Amino acid sequence: MADTDRRNVLRAGLALASLPHVALLMGCGSEPTEPSEESELASDSPSDPDESSAAEEPENESTTTTEPTTQENAMQIQYLEIVTPDVDAICGSYEKAFGISFGESDPSLGGARTATMTNGGMLGVRAPMRETETPVVRPYVLVEDIQSAVDAAAEAGAEVAIPPMELPGHGKFAIVIQGGIESGFWQN
């Protein structure tokens, strides 16, 4: 089997298996949940008695770390693209399952019908733009400098499928492929 055929089989399998889960994980139609009272209580009470005495000691400058918080390191999906031969079925299913609404097709996004995600990003569902394009779910991560992000991915071994390109009215995007997985970068 040629590399391209293997890649297409993998893409189709991932797209079909991932569709419902990806939208749910990306925050369509639901608000982030608050930690439960039980989990808050568990985090307030250390399991090791030695930890409780250390936790009560005041921090000074020598023990304070300046590492970035998880929030600062978090990846934000700006655009989640779903390519499928049955756009209306996917949009209808997601509207019913997640209570979201898709707009009309947007020509600047390949004809994708879009819905807004709770993180402010967009979910776009579109048909293949050419006969050889297979179903895929492709996340586009928001970056400050798209060229630097693409360069870093290439240095890590990714194939640059589409270099940074302007999408009028939306920003810039790029697509890289690594390990058979397509990922995108998005710069507003």
N, C-alpha and C. Protein backbone atom coordinates (compact mmCIF):
# COMPACT_ATOMS: atom_id res chain seq x y z
N MET A 1 0.85 -1.18 0.00
CA MET A 1 0.00 0.00 0.00
C MET A 1 0.89 1.24 0.00
N ALA A 2 0.64 2.18 -0.85
CA ALA A 2 1.45 3.39 -0.94
C ALA A 2 1.26 4.24 0.30
N ASP A 3 2.26 5.08 0.61
CA ASP A 3 2.18 5.95 1.78
C ASP A 3 0.93 6.82 1.75
N THR A 4 0.60 7.35 0.58
CA THR A 4 -0.59 8.20 0.46
C THR A 4 -1.85 7.41 0.78
N ASP A 5 -1.94 6.17 0.30
CA ASP A 5 -3.12 5.35 0.59
C ASP A 5 -3.23 5.05 2.07
N ARG A 6 -2.11 4.73 2.70
CA ARG A 6 -2.11 4.47 4.15
C ARG A 6 -2.55 5.71 4.91
N ARG A 7 -2.03 6.86 4.49
CA ARG A 7 -2.39 8.12 5.15
C ARG A 7 -3.88 8.38 5.01
N ASN A 8 -4.45 8.14 3.84
CA ASN A 8 -5.88 8.36 3.62
C ASN A 8 -6.73 7.41 4.44
N VAL A 9 -6.33 6.16 4.55
CA VAL A 9 -7.06 5.19 5.37
C VAL A 9 -7.02 5.63 6.84
N LEU A 10 -5.85 6.06 7.30
CA LEU A 10 -5.73 6.52 8.68
C LEU A 10 -6.60 7.75 8.92
N ARG A 11 -6.56 8.70 8.01
CA ARG A 11 -7.37 9.92 8.16
C ARG A 11 -8.85 9.58 8.24
N ALA A 12 -9.30 8.73 7.35
CA ALA A 12 -10.72 8.38 7.34
C ALA A 12 -11.12 7.69 8.64
N GLY A 13 -10.30 6.78 9.10
CA GLY A 13 -10.59 6.08 10.36
C GLY A 13 -10.61 7.02 11.54
N LEU A 14 -9.63 7.92 11.61
CA LEU A 14 -9.59 8.89 12.70
C LEU A 14 -10.78 9.83 12.64
N ALA A 15 -11.11 10.29 11.46
CA ALA A 15 -12.23 11.22 11.32
C ALA A 15 -13.52 10.58 11.78
N LEU A 16 -13.77 9.38 11.34
CA LEU A 16 -15.02 8.72 11.69
C LEU A 16 -15.09 8.38 13.17
N ALA A 17 -13.99 7.96 13.74
CA ALA A 17 -13.99 7.58 15.15
C ALA A 17 -14.00 8.80 16.06
N SER A 18 -13.47 9.92 15.60
CA SER A 18 -13.27 11.09 16.45
C SER A 18 -14.38 12.11 16.41
N LEU A 19 -15.20 12.12 15.40
CA LEU A 19 -16.15 13.20 15.21
C LEU A 19 -16.94 13.57 16.46
N PRO A 20 -17.69 12.66 17.07
CA PRO A 20 -18.49 13.06 18.22
C PRO A 20 -17.66 13.50 19.41
N HIS A 21 -16.54 12.85 19.62
CA HIS A 21 -15.72 13.13 20.79
C HIS A 21 -14.99 14.45 20.68
N VAL A 22 -14.51 14.77 19.51
CA VAL A 22 -13.73 16.00 19.33
C VAL A 22 -14.59 17.21 19.61
N ALA A 23 -15.78 17.25 19.06
CA ALA A 23 -16.65 18.41 19.28
C ALA A 23 -16.98 18.57 20.75
N LEU A 24 -17.24 17.47 21.43
CA LEU A 24 -17.54 17.52 22.85
C LEU A 24 -16.35 18.07 23.62
N LEU A 25 -15.16 17.58 23.31
CA LEU A 25 -13.96 18.03 24.01
C LEU A 25 -13.61 19.47 23.72
N MET A 26 -13.97 19.98 22.55
CA MET A 26 -13.64 21.34 22.18
C MET A 26 -14.59 22.35 22.78
N GLY A 27 -15.63 21.91 23.46
CA GLY A 27 -16.48 22.82 24.19
C GLY A 27 -17.71 23.30 23.46
N CYS A 28 -18.16 22.63 22.45
CA CYS A 28 -19.36 23.06 21.75
C CYS A 28 -20.57 22.82 22.62
N GLY A 29 -21.34 23.86 22.83
CA GLY A 29 -22.65 23.72 23.45
C GLY A 29 -22.67 23.49 24.94
N SER A 30 -21.56 23.57 25.63
CA SER A 30 -21.61 23.40 27.07
C SER A 30 -20.60 24.31 27.73
N GLU A 31 -20.91 24.70 28.94
CA GLU A 31 -20.02 25.56 29.70
C GLU A 31 -19.01 24.69 30.44
N PRO A 32 -17.82 25.23 30.73
CA PRO A 32 -16.86 24.46 31.50
C PRO A 32 -17.45 24.12 32.86
N THR A 33 -17.14 22.94 33.34
CA THR A 33 -17.68 22.52 34.62
C THR A 33 -16.79 23.00 35.75
N GLU A 34 -17.41 23.27 36.87
CA GLU A 34 -16.68 23.67 38.07
C GLU A 34 -16.22 22.42 38.81
N PRO A 35 -15.11 22.51 39.55
CA PRO A 35 -14.69 21.34 40.32
C PRO A 35 -15.75 21.01 41.37
N SER A 36 -15.93 19.73 41.61
CA SER A 36 -16.92 19.33 42.60
C SER A 36 -16.41 19.63 44.00
N GLU A 37 -17.36 19.72 44.93
CA GLU A 37 -16.99 19.99 46.32
C GLU A 37 -16.07 18.89 46.83
N GLU A 38 -16.34 17.66 46.41
CA GLU A 38 -15.51 16.53 46.82
C GLU A 38 -14.07 16.69 46.35
N SER A 39 -13.87 17.12 45.09
CA SER A 39 -12.51 17.28 44.59
C SER A 39 -11.81 18.46 45.25
N GLU A 40 -12.58 19.53 45.59
CA GLU A 40 -11.98 20.66 46.29
C GLU A 40 -11.52 20.23 47.68
N LEU A 41 -12.35 19.43 48.36
CA LEU A 41 -11.97 18.97 49.69
C LEU A 41 -10.73 18.09 49.62
N ALA A 42 -10.67 17.23 48.61
CA ALA A 42 -9.53 16.34 48.47
C ALA A 42 -8.26 17.13 48.22
N SER A 43 -8.36 18.22 47.48
CA SER A 43 -7.15 18.99 47.18
C SER A 43 -6.72 19.84 48.37
N ASP A 44 -7.64 20.16 49.29
CA ASP A 44 -7.28 20.97 50.46
C ASP A 44 -6.64 20.16 51.57
N SER A 45 -6.82 18.86 51.58
CA SER A 45 -6.28 18.07 52.68
C SER A 45 -5.15 17.18 52.19
N PRO A 46 -3.91 17.48 52.61
CA PRO A 46 -2.78 16.67 52.16
C PRO A 46 -2.85 15.27 52.74
N SER A 47 -2.35 14.29 51.99
CA SER A 47 -2.40 12.91 52.45
C SER A 47 -1.21 12.58 53.34
N ASP A 48 -0.13 13.31 53.25
CA ASP A 48 1.07 13.06 54.02
C ASP A 48 1.18 14.11 55.13
N PRO A 49 1.29 13.69 56.42
CA PRO A 49 1.38 14.65 57.52
C PRO A 49 2.56 15.62 57.34
N ASP A 50 3.66 15.17 56.76
CA ASP A 50 4.80 16.06 56.55
C ASP A 50 4.45 17.17 55.56
N GLU A 51 3.56 16.88 54.63
CA GLU A 51 3.16 17.88 53.65
C GLU A 51 2.37 19.00 54.30
N SER A 52 1.56 18.67 55.33
CA SER A 52 0.73 19.69 55.95
C SER A 52 1.59 20.73 56.66
N SER A 53 2.68 20.34 57.30
CA SER A 53 3.52 21.33 57.96
C SER A 53 4.26 22.17 56.94
N ALA A 54 4.65 21.56 55.81
CA ALA A 54 5.33 22.32 54.77
C ALA A 54 4.38 23.30 54.11
N ALA A 55 3.13 22.90 53.97
CA ALA A 55 2.16 23.77 53.32
C ALA A 55 1.83 24.99 54.15
N GLU A 56 1.96 24.87 55.50
CA GLU A 56 1.64 25.99 56.37
C GLU A 56 2.76 27.01 56.45
N GLU A 57 3.99 26.63 56.06
CA GLU A 57 5.10 27.56 56.12
C GLU A 57 4.95 28.62 55.05
N PRO A 58 5.21 29.90 55.39
CA PRO A 58 5.10 30.94 54.38
C PRO A 58 6.21 30.79 53.34
N GLU A 59 5.90 31.14 52.12
CA GLU A 59 6.90 31.07 51.06
C GLU A 59 7.74 32.33 51.07
N ASN A 60 9.02 32.17 50.76
CA ASN A 60 9.85 33.34 50.58
C ASN A 60 10.32 33.36 49.14
N GLU A 61 11.06 34.39 48.77
CA GLU A 61 11.46 34.53 47.38
C GLU A 61 12.29 33.35 46.89
N SER A 62 13.06 32.72 47.74
CA SER A 62 13.92 31.63 47.29
C SER A 62 13.13 30.37 46.98
N THR A 63 11.93 30.22 47.55
CA THR A 63 11.15 29.02 47.27
C THR A 63 10.04 29.26 46.25
N THR A 64 9.80 30.50 45.88
CA THR A 64 8.76 30.79 44.90
C THR A 64 9.28 30.47 43.51
N THR A 65 8.47 29.72 42.75
CA THR A 65 8.89 29.37 41.40
C THR A 65 8.29 30.37 40.42
N THR A 66 8.94 30.49 39.30
CA THR A 66 8.44 31.39 38.27
C THR A 66 8.07 30.60 37.02
N GLU A 67 7.79 29.30 37.18
CA GLU A 67 7.38 28.48 36.04
C GLU A 67 6.01 28.92 35.57
N PRO A 68 5.76 28.83 34.27
CA PRO A 68 4.44 29.19 33.75
C PRO A 68 3.37 28.28 34.33
N THR A 69 2.19 28.83 34.51
CA THR A 69 1.08 28.03 35.01
C THR A 69 0.53 27.17 33.88
N THR A 70 -0.31 26.21 34.24
CA THR A 70 -0.93 25.36 33.24
C THR A 70 -1.72 26.21 32.26
N GLN A 71 -2.40 27.24 32.76
CA GLN A 71 -3.19 28.12 31.89
C GLN A 71 -2.30 28.78 30.84
N GLU A 72 -1.11 29.22 31.22
CA GLU A 72 -0.21 29.86 30.27
C GLU A 72 0.29 28.88 29.22
N ASN A 73 0.38 27.61 29.57
CA ASN A 73 0.87 26.59 28.64
C ASN A 73 -0.25 25.94 27.83
N ALA A 74 -1.49 26.26 28.13
CA ALA A 74 -2.62 25.59 27.49
C ALA A 74 -2.68 25.93 26.01
N MET A 75 -3.02 24.92 25.23
CA MET A 75 -3.25 25.11 23.80
C MET A 75 -4.71 25.51 23.62
N GLN A 76 -4.96 26.46 22.74
CA GLN A 76 -6.34 26.85 22.46
C GLN A 76 -6.65 26.49 21.01
N ILE A 77 -7.70 25.71 20.83
CA ILE A 77 -8.15 25.39 19.49
C ILE A 77 -8.94 26.60 18.98
N GLN A 78 -8.44 27.24 17.94
CA GLN A 78 -9.11 28.40 17.36
C GLN A 78 -10.13 27.97 16.31
N TYR A 79 -9.79 26.92 15.58
CA TYR A 79 -10.69 26.44 14.54
C TYR A 79 -10.59 24.93 14.49
N LEU A 80 -11.73 24.27 14.55
CA LEU A 80 -11.78 22.82 14.43
C LEU A 80 -12.50 22.52 13.13
N GLU A 81 -11.77 21.93 12.19
CA GLU A 81 -12.30 21.68 10.86
C GLU A 81 -12.67 20.20 10.71
N ILE A 82 -13.89 19.96 10.24
CA ILE A 82 -14.34 18.61 9.95
C ILE A 82 -14.65 18.56 8.46
N VAL A 83 -13.98 17.68 7.75
CA VAL A 83 -14.22 17.47 6.33
C VAL A 83 -14.99 16.17 6.20
N THR A 84 -16.17 16.25 5.59
CA THR A 84 -17.05 15.09 5.47
C THR A 84 -17.86 15.19 4.19
N PRO A 85 -18.19 14.07 3.57
CA PRO A 85 -19.05 14.13 2.39
C PRO A 85 -20.51 14.45 2.73
N ASP A 86 -20.89 14.39 4.02
CA ASP A 86 -22.28 14.63 4.41
C ASP A 86 -22.37 15.76 5.45
N VAL A 87 -22.13 16.98 4.99
CA VAL A 87 -22.10 18.16 5.86
C VAL A 87 -23.41 18.33 6.62
N ASP A 88 -24.54 18.25 5.91
CA ASP A 88 -25.83 18.49 6.56
C ASP A 88 -26.11 17.48 7.67
N ALA A 89 -25.73 16.23 7.48
CA ALA A 89 -25.97 15.21 8.52
C ALA A 89 -25.13 15.50 9.76
N ILE A 90 -23.87 15.84 9.57
CA ILE A 90 -23.00 16.13 10.72
C ILE A 90 -23.49 17.38 11.44
N CYS A 91 -23.81 18.45 10.70
CA CYS A 91 -24.30 19.67 11.33
C CYS A 91 -25.59 19.40 12.09
N GLY A 92 -26.52 18.66 11.49
CA GLY A 92 -27.77 18.33 12.15
C GLY A 92 -27.57 17.52 13.42
N SER A 93 -26.68 16.57 13.35
CA SER A 93 -26.38 15.73 14.51
C SER A 93 -25.78 16.57 15.65
N TYR A 94 -24.84 17.43 15.33
CA TYR A 94 -24.21 18.27 16.35
C TYR A 94 -25.19 19.29 16.92
N GLU A 95 -26.07 19.82 16.07
CA GLU A 95 -27.07 20.77 16.57
C GLU A 95 -27.97 20.10 17.59
N LYS A 96 -28.39 18.87 17.31
CA LYS A 96 -29.26 18.15 18.24
C LYS A 96 -28.51 17.72 19.50
N ALA A 97 -27.31 17.21 19.33
CA ALA A 97 -26.56 16.67 20.47
C ALA A 97 -26.03 17.76 21.40
N PHE A 98 -25.61 18.91 20.83
CA PHE A 98 -24.92 19.92 21.64
C PHE A 98 -25.66 21.24 21.74
N GLY A 99 -26.80 21.36 21.06
CA GLY A 99 -27.58 22.59 21.15
C GLY A 99 -26.90 23.79 20.52
N ILE A 100 -26.13 23.57 19.45
CA ILE A 100 -25.45 24.66 18.76
C ILE A 100 -26.14 24.93 17.44
N SER A 101 -25.81 26.05 16.82
CA SER A 101 -26.39 26.40 15.52
C SER A 101 -25.27 26.69 14.54
N PHE A 102 -25.39 26.10 13.35
CA PHE A 102 -24.42 26.34 12.28
C PHE A 102 -24.98 27.40 11.35
N GLY A 103 -24.10 28.28 10.89
CA GLY A 103 -24.48 29.29 9.93
C GLY A 103 -24.42 28.75 8.51
N GLU A 104 -24.63 29.65 7.56
CA GLU A 104 -24.52 29.31 6.15
C GLU A 104 -23.06 29.07 5.80
N SER A 105 -22.80 28.50 4.64
CA SER A 105 -21.42 28.20 4.25
C SER A 105 -20.62 29.48 4.06
N ASP A 106 -19.35 29.42 4.44
CA ASP A 106 -18.43 30.55 4.35
C ASP A 106 -17.41 30.24 3.25
N PRO A 107 -17.49 30.93 2.12
CA PRO A 107 -16.58 30.64 1.01
C PRO A 107 -15.10 30.79 1.38
N SER A 108 -14.77 31.69 2.29
CA SER A 108 -13.36 31.87 2.65
C SER A 108 -12.83 30.74 3.53
N LEU A 109 -13.73 29.87 4.01
CA LEU A 109 -13.32 28.69 4.80
C LEU A 109 -13.65 27.41 4.02
N GLY A 110 -13.53 27.46 2.71
CA GLY A 110 -13.77 26.29 1.88
C GLY A 110 -15.23 25.88 1.83
N GLY A 111 -16.13 26.81 2.12
CA GLY A 111 -17.55 26.49 2.13
C GLY A 111 -18.02 25.88 3.43
N ALA A 112 -17.23 25.98 4.48
CA ALA A 112 -17.61 25.38 5.77
C ALA A 112 -18.80 26.10 6.38
N ARG A 113 -19.67 25.34 6.98
CA ARG A 113 -20.71 25.88 7.85
C ARG A 113 -20.10 25.93 9.24
N THR A 114 -20.22 27.06 9.92
CA THR A 114 -19.51 27.23 11.19
C THR A 114 -20.46 27.45 12.37
N ALA A 115 -19.96 27.08 13.54
CA ALA A 115 -20.63 27.33 14.82
C ALA A 115 -19.55 27.83 15.78
N THR A 116 -19.94 28.65 16.72
CA THR A 116 -18.99 29.20 17.69
C THR A 116 -18.84 28.23 18.86
N MET A 117 -17.58 28.01 19.28
CA MET A 117 -17.29 27.16 20.43
C MET A 117 -17.24 28.05 21.68
N THR A 118 -17.39 27.45 22.85
CA THR A 118 -17.41 28.21 24.09
C THR A 118 -16.09 28.92 24.37
N ASN A 119 -14.99 28.46 23.77
CA ASN A 119 -13.71 29.13 23.99
C ASN A 119 -13.51 30.32 23.04
N GLY A 120 -14.53 30.62 22.22
CA GLY A 120 -14.43 31.72 21.28
C GLY A 120 -13.97 31.30 19.90
N GLY A 121 -13.50 30.07 19.76
CA GLY A 121 -13.09 29.56 18.46
C GLY A 121 -14.29 29.12 17.64
N MET A 122 -14.00 28.52 16.50
CA MET A 122 -15.07 28.08 15.61
C MET A 122 -14.93 26.59 15.27
N LEU A 123 -16.08 25.97 15.06
CA LEU A 123 -16.16 24.62 14.53
C LEU A 123 -16.67 24.77 13.10
N GLY A 124 -15.94 24.25 12.13
CA GLY A 124 -16.34 24.34 10.73
C GLY A 124 -16.51 22.96 10.13
N VAL A 125 -17.63 22.74 9.46
CA VAL A 125 -17.89 21.47 8.80
C VAL A 125 -18.04 21.77 7.31
N ARG A 126 -17.21 21.10 6.50
CA ARG A 126 -17.27 21.35 5.06
C ARG A 126 -17.11 20.05 4.29
N ALA A 127 -17.51 20.11 3.03
CA ALA A 127 -17.35 18.98 2.12
C ALA A 127 -15.92 18.98 1.57
N PRO A 128 -15.45 17.85 1.08
CA PRO A 128 -14.13 17.83 0.45
C PRO A 128 -14.08 18.84 -0.71
N MET A 129 -12.93 19.48 -0.87
CA MET A 129 -12.78 20.49 -1.93
C MET A 129 -12.22 19.90 -3.21
N ARG A 130 -11.79 18.66 -3.17
CA ARG A 130 -11.31 17.98 -4.37
C ARG A 130 -11.63 16.49 -4.22
N GLU A 131 -11.63 15.79 -5.30
CA GLU A 131 -12.02 14.38 -5.32
C GLU A 131 -11.13 13.52 -4.42
N THR A 132 -9.87 13.88 -4.28
CA THR A 132 -8.94 13.07 -3.49
C THR A 132 -8.91 13.42 -2.01
N GLU A 133 -9.66 14.45 -1.59
CA GLU A 133 -9.66 14.83 -0.17
C GLU A 133 -10.55 13.88 0.61
N THR A 134 -10.00 13.31 1.65
CA THR A 134 -10.73 12.33 2.46
C THR A 134 -11.25 12.97 3.75
N PRO A 135 -12.22 12.33 4.40
CA PRO A 135 -12.71 12.86 5.67
C PRO A 135 -11.58 13.02 6.69
N VAL A 136 -11.63 14.11 7.43
CA VAL A 136 -10.60 14.38 8.43
C VAL A 136 -11.17 15.32 9.48
N VAL A 137 -10.65 15.21 10.69
CA VAL A 137 -10.90 16.18 11.76
C VAL A 137 -9.56 16.84 12.02
N ARG A 138 -9.49 18.15 11.83
CA ARG A 138 -8.21 18.85 11.88
C ARG A 138 -8.30 20.04 12.85
N PRO A 139 -7.63 19.97 14.00
CA PRO A 139 -7.62 21.12 14.91
C PRO A 139 -6.57 22.16 14.46
N TYR A 140 -6.92 23.42 14.60
CA TYR A 140 -5.99 24.52 14.33
C TYR A 140 -5.73 25.22 15.66
N VAL A 141 -4.49 25.16 16.13
CA VAL A 141 -4.12 25.74 17.41
C VAL A 141 -3.75 27.20 17.21
N LEU A 142 -4.26 28.05 18.08
CA LEU A 142 -3.97 29.47 18.03
C LEU A 142 -2.51 29.72 18.43
N VAL A 143 -1.79 30.46 17.59
CA VAL A 143 -0.38 30.79 17.87
C VAL A 143 -0.18 32.29 17.65
N GLU A 144 0.84 32.83 18.29
CA GLU A 144 1.15 34.25 18.11
C GLU A 144 1.95 34.49 16.84
N ASP A 145 2.85 33.57 16.50
CA ASP A 145 3.70 33.72 15.32
C ASP A 145 3.63 32.43 14.51
N ILE A 146 2.82 32.45 13.47
CA ILE A 146 2.55 31.23 12.71
C ILE A 146 3.79 30.69 12.02
N GLN A 147 4.64 31.56 11.49
CA GLN A 147 5.84 31.08 10.80
C GLN A 147 6.78 30.38 11.77
N SER A 148 6.92 30.92 12.98
CA SER A 148 7.76 30.27 14.00
C SER A 148 7.19 28.91 14.38
N ALA A 149 5.86 28.82 14.50
CA ALA A 149 5.23 27.55 14.86
C ALA A 149 5.45 26.51 13.76
N VAL A 150 5.29 26.91 12.51
CA VAL A 150 5.50 25.99 11.38
C VAL A 150 6.96 25.56 11.32
N ASP A 151 7.88 26.51 11.52
CA ASP A 151 9.31 26.18 11.51
C ASP A 151 9.65 25.18 12.62
N ALA A 152 9.09 25.39 13.81
CA ALA A 152 9.35 24.48 14.93
C ALA A 152 8.81 23.08 14.63
N ALA A 153 7.62 23.01 14.04
CA ALA A 153 7.04 21.71 13.69
C ALA A 153 7.90 21.01 12.65
N ALA A 154 8.38 21.75 11.66
CA ALA A 154 9.23 21.17 10.62
C ALA A 154 10.54 20.66 11.21
N GLU A 155 11.11 21.43 12.13
CA GLU A 155 12.35 20.99 12.80
C GLU A 155 12.12 19.72 13.60
N ALA A 156 10.90 19.52 14.10
CA ALA A 156 10.56 18.32 14.87
C ALA A 156 10.19 17.15 13.96
N GLY A 157 10.26 17.35 12.63
CA GLY A 157 10.02 16.26 11.70
C GLY A 157 8.70 16.29 10.97
N ALA A 158 7.87 17.33 11.19
CA ALA A 158 6.58 17.40 10.51
C ALA A 158 6.76 17.81 9.05
N GLU A 159 5.88 17.32 8.21
CA GLU A 159 5.82 17.73 6.81
C GLU A 159 4.92 18.96 6.74
N VAL A 160 5.38 20.02 6.10
CA VAL A 160 4.56 21.21 5.93
C VAL A 160 3.68 21.00 4.70
N ALA A 161 2.40 20.72 4.94
CA ALA A 161 1.47 20.46 3.85
C ALA A 161 1.00 21.75 3.20
N ILE A 162 0.70 22.75 4.01
CA ILE A 162 0.31 24.07 3.52
C ILE A 162 1.04 25.10 4.37
N PRO A 163 1.93 25.88 3.75
CA PRO A 163 2.64 26.92 4.51
C PRO A 163 1.66 28.03 4.91
N PRO A 164 2.07 28.94 5.79
CA PRO A 164 1.16 30.00 6.23
C PRO A 164 0.53 30.74 5.05
N MET A 165 -0.80 30.83 5.11
CA MET A 165 -1.58 31.52 4.07
C MET A 165 -2.62 32.42 4.74
N GLU A 166 -2.91 33.52 4.11
CA GLU A 166 -3.91 34.47 4.60
C GLU A 166 -5.31 33.98 4.21
N LEU A 167 -6.25 34.03 5.18
CA LEU A 167 -7.67 33.79 4.92
C LEU A 167 -8.37 35.13 5.14
N PRO A 168 -8.73 35.83 4.09
CA PRO A 168 -9.32 37.16 4.25
C PRO A 168 -10.47 37.18 5.26
N GLY A 169 -10.36 38.08 6.21
CA GLY A 169 -11.37 38.22 7.25
C GLY A 169 -11.24 37.27 8.41
N HIS A 170 -10.26 36.36 8.37
CA HIS A 170 -10.13 35.37 9.44
C HIS A 170 -8.74 35.32 10.07
N GLY A 171 -7.70 35.60 9.34
CA GLY A 171 -6.34 35.48 9.86
C GLY A 171 -5.50 34.63 8.93
N LYS A 172 -4.50 33.97 9.50
CA LYS A 172 -3.62 33.09 8.73
C LYS A 172 -3.75 31.66 9.25
N PHE A 173 -3.51 30.70 8.35
CA PHE A 173 -3.51 29.30 8.76
C PHE A 173 -2.37 28.58 8.06
N ALA A 174 -2.01 27.42 8.62
CA ALA A 174 -1.02 26.52 8.02
C ALA A 174 -1.39 25.11 8.46
N ILE A 175 -0.97 24.12 7.68
CA ILE A 175 -1.23 22.72 8.02
C ILE A 175 0.08 21.94 7.97
N VAL A 176 0.31 21.13 9.01
CA VAL A 176 1.47 20.24 9.05
C VAL A 176 0.97 18.82 9.28
N ILE A 177 1.78 17.86 8.85
CA ILE A 177 1.43 16.44 9.03
C ILE A 177 2.60 15.75 9.71
N GLN A 178 2.31 15.08 10.79
CA GLN A 178 3.35 14.31 11.48
C GLN A 178 2.73 13.03 12.01
N GLY A 179 3.40 11.93 11.72
CA GLY A 179 2.89 10.63 12.17
C GLY A 179 1.52 10.32 11.57
N GLY A 180 1.23 10.84 10.38
CA GLY A 180 -0.06 10.60 9.74
C GLY A 180 -1.19 11.48 10.26
N ILE A 181 -0.90 12.36 11.21
CA ILE A 181 -1.92 13.23 11.80
C ILE A 181 -1.77 14.63 11.25
N GLU A 182 -2.87 15.18 10.75
CA GLU A 182 -2.87 16.55 10.26
C GLU A 182 -3.23 17.51 11.38
N SER A 183 -2.44 18.55 11.53
CA SER A 183 -2.70 19.59 12.53
C SER A 183 -2.53 20.93 11.86
N GLY A 184 -3.23 21.90 12.38
CA GLY A 184 -3.14 23.24 11.83
C GLY A 184 -2.68 24.24 12.86
N PHE A 185 -2.20 25.36 12.35
CA PHE A 185 -1.88 26.51 13.18
C PHE A 185 -2.75 27.66 12.67
N TRP A 186 -3.13 28.54 13.59
CA TRP A 186 -4.01 29.68 13.26
C TRP A 186 -3.45 30.91 13.93
N GLN A 187 -3.33 31.98 13.20
CA GLN A 187 -2.89 33.26 13.77
C GLN A 187 -3.94 34.31 13.41
N ASN A 188 -4.48 34.98 14.43
CA ASN A 188 -5.48 36.04 14.17
C ASN A 188 -4.80 37.28 13.64
